[in-house]
Amino acid sequence: MKPLVGAMQAWSCTVISAFAILILSVLGLLFRNNHPELVGGDEDPSNGPEVAATIFIAVFIYAGFLVFCGLQGLLHVRENRRGAIAL
């Protein structure tokens, strides 16, 4: 099977997706627990769990990017081991 994207793009997407998952997961947990710095204080009505649900949807999308781009990168590694000529 041939890779669909270049090696640099695949590995860059993998690294960016990993950092996005980490950062967005922390933000989602803080919103889910109605952290006062993010939802405007203790006395305001907060919609932190709704925001957290949206953030976790983005985490799942980035997880899909991580899997796809990681597999593309591994295809490039496998192709280079077989002696393919990169143009």
C-alpha atoms as a PDB file:
ATOM      1  CA  MET A   1       0.000   0.000   0.000  1.00  0.00           C
ATOM      2  CA  LYS A   2       1.342   3.416  -0.922  1.00  0.00           C
ATOM      3  CA  PRO A   3       1.247   6.377   1.463  1.00  0.00           C
ATOM      4  CA  LEU A   4      -1.207   9.152   0.625  1.00  0.00           C
ATOM      5  CA  VAL A   5       0.826  12.010   2.130  1.00  0.00           C
ATOM      6  CA  GLY A   6       4.518  12.784   2.354  1.00  0.00           C
ATOM      7  CA  ALA A   7       6.706  11.588   5.194  1.00  0.00           C
ATOM      8  CA  MET A   8       7.275  15.063   6.648  1.00  0.00           C
ATOM      9  CA  GLN A   9       3.564  15.863   6.616  1.00  0.00           C
ATOM     10  CA  ALA A  10       2.695  12.531   8.218  1.00  0.00           C
ATOM     11  CA  TRP A  11       5.144  12.875  11.090  1.00  0.00           C
ATOM     12  CA  SER A  12       4.308  16.560  11.615  1.00  0.00           C
ATOM     13  CA  CYS A  13       0.613  15.733  11.804  1.00  0.00           C
ATOM     14  CA  THR A  14       1.373  12.931  14.268  1.00  0.00           C
ATOM     15  CA  VAL A  15       3.320  15.213  16.621  1.00  0.00           C
ATOM     16  CA  ILE A  16       0.798  18.060  16.402  1.00  0.00           C
ATOM     17  CA  SER A  17      -2.081  15.659  17.038  1.00  0.00           C
ATOM     18  CA  ALA A  18      -0.363  14.198  20.101  1.00  0.00           C
ATOM     19  CA  PHE A  19       0.169  17.646  21.620  1.00  0.00           C
ATOM     20  CA  ALA A  20      -3.389  18.699  20.752  1.00  0.00           C
ATOM     21  CA  ILE A  21      -4.801  15.610  22.472  1.00  0.00           C
ATOM     22  CA  LEU A  22      -2.758  16.347  25.584  1.00  0.00           C
ATOM     23  CA  ILE A  23      -3.635  20.043  25.796  1.00  0.00           C
ATOM     24  CA  LEU A  24      -7.315  19.651  24.914  1.00  0.00           C
ATOM     25  CA  SER A  25      -7.736  16.786  27.386  1.00  0.00           C
ATOM     26  CA  VAL A  26      -6.444  18.968  30.206  1.00  0.00           C
ATOM     27  CA  LEU A  27      -8.729  21.823  29.167  1.00  0.00           C
ATOM     28  CA  GLY A  28     -11.691  19.452  28.900  1.00  0.00           C
ATOM     29  CA  LEU A  29     -11.077  18.106  32.396  1.00  0.00           C
ATOM     30  CA  LEU A  30     -10.837  21.615  33.810  1.00  0.00           C
ATOM     31  CA  PHE A  31     -14.086  22.674  32.131  1.00  0.00           C
ATOM     32  CA  ARG A  32     -15.847  19.480  33.230  1.00  0.00           C
ATOM     33  CA  ASN A  33     -14.930  20.229  36.847  1.00  0.00           C
ATOM     34  CA  ASN A  34     -16.095  23.876  36.468  1.00  0.00           C
ATOM     35  CA  HIS A  35     -12.705  25.346  37.303  1.00  0.00           C
ATOM     36  CA  PRO A  36     -13.361  28.953  38.399  1.00  0.00           C
ATOM     37  CA  GLU A  37     -10.600  30.414  36.222  1.00  0.00           C
ATOM     38  CA  LEU A  38     -12.262  29.075  33.090  1.00  0.00           C
ATOM     39  CA  VAL A  39     -15.984  29.418  33.773  1.00  0.00           C
ATOM     40  CA  GLY A  40     -16.015  32.852  35.387  1.00  0.00           C
ATOM     41  CA  GLY A  41     -16.068  32.157  39.114  1.00  0.00           C
ATOM     42  CA  ASP A  42     -18.067  30.167  41.614  1.00  0.00           C
ATOM     43  CA  GLU A  43     -21.151  32.378  41.701  1.00  0.00           C
ATOM     44  CA  ASP A  44     -21.834  32.509  37.954  1.00  0.00           C
ATOM     45  CA  PRO A  45     -24.016  29.843  36.359  1.00  0.00           C
ATOM     46  CA  SER A  46     -21.582  27.698  34.454  1.00  0.00           C
ATOM     47  CA  ASN A  47     -21.922  25.591  31.372  1.00  0.00           C
ATOM     48  CA  GLY A  48     -18.581  23.848  31.832  1.00  0.00           C
ATOM     49  CA  PRO A  49     -19.803  20.294  31.129  1.00  0.00           C
ATOM     50  CA  GLU A  50     -21.264  21.354  27.769  1.00  0.00           C
ATOM     51  CA  VAL A  51     -17.991  23.022  26.793  1.00  0.00           C
ATOM     52  CA  ALA A  52     -16.087  19.950  27.980  1.00  0.00           C
ATOM     53  CA  ALA A  53     -18.218  17.695  25.771  1.00  0.00           C
ATOM     54  CA  THR A  54     -17.350  19.818  22.735  1.00  0.00           C
ATOM     55  CA  ILE A  55     -13.654  19.763  23.619  1.00  0.00           C
ATOM     56  CA  PHE A  56     -13.701  15.975  23.999  1.00  0.00           C
ATOM     57  CA  ILE A  57     -15.242  15.672  20.520  1.00  0.00           C
ATOM     58  CA  ALA A  58     -12.219  17.589  19.224  1.00  0.00           C
ATOM     59  CA  VAL A  59      -9.960  15.183  21.158  1.00  0.00           C
ATOM     60  CA  PHE A  60     -11.571  12.215  19.373  1.00  0.00           C
ATOM     61  CA  ILE A  61     -11.069  13.925  15.992  1.00  0.00           C
ATOM     62  CA  TYR A  62      -7.397  14.530  16.796  1.00  0.00           C
ATOM     63  CA  ALA A  63      -7.097  10.882  17.879  1.00  0.00           C
ATOM     64  CA  GLY A  64      -8.301   9.914  14.407  1.00  0.00           C
ATOM     65  CA  PHE A  65      -5.672  12.204  12.865  1.00  0.00           C
ATOM     66  CA  LEU A  66      -3.036  10.658  15.132  1.00  0.00           C
ATOM     67  CA  VAL A  67      -3.891   7.129  13.994  1.00  0.00           C
ATOM     68  CA  PHE A  68      -4.129   8.030  10.303  1.00  0.00           C
ATOM     69  CA  CYS A  69      -0.952  10.100  10.198  1.00  0.00           C
ATOM     70  CA  GLY A  70       0.965   7.633  12.335  1.00  0.00           C
ATOM     71  CA  LEU A  71       0.064   4.827   9.954  1.00  0.00           C
ATOM     72  CA  GLN A  72       1.102   6.980   7.004  1.00  0.00           C
ATOM     73  CA  GLY A  73       4.460   7.604   8.660  1.00  0.00           C
ATOM     74  CA  LEU A  74       4.918   3.891   9.300  1.00  0.00           C
ATOM     75  CA  LEU A  75       4.144   3.188   5.638  1.00  0.00           C
ATOM     76  CA  HIS A  76       6.980   5.544   4.703  1.00  0.00           C
ATOM     77  CA  VAL A  77       9.346   3.743   7.076  1.00  0.00           C
ATOM     78  CA  ARG A  78       8.368   0.375   5.613  1.00  0.00           C
ATOM     79  CA  GLU A  79       8.773   1.703   2.062  1.00  0.00           C
ATOM     80  CA  ASN A  80      12.256   3.041   2.815  1.00  0.00           C
ATOM     81  CA  ARG A  81      13.397  -0.276   4.301  1.00  0.00           C
ATOM     82  CA  ARG A  82      12.540  -2.090   1.084  1.00  0.00           C
ATOM     83  CA  GLY A  83      14.885   0.167  -0.889  1.00  0.00           C
ATOM     84  CA  ALA A  84      12.331   2.314  -2.685  1.00  0.00           C
ATOM     85  CA  ILE A  85      13.735   5.384  -4.401  1.00  0.00           C
ATOM     86  CA  ALA A  86      12.193   8.626  -3.147  1.00  0.00           C
ATOM     87  CA  LEU A  87      11.738  11.258  -5.817  1.00  0.00           C
END
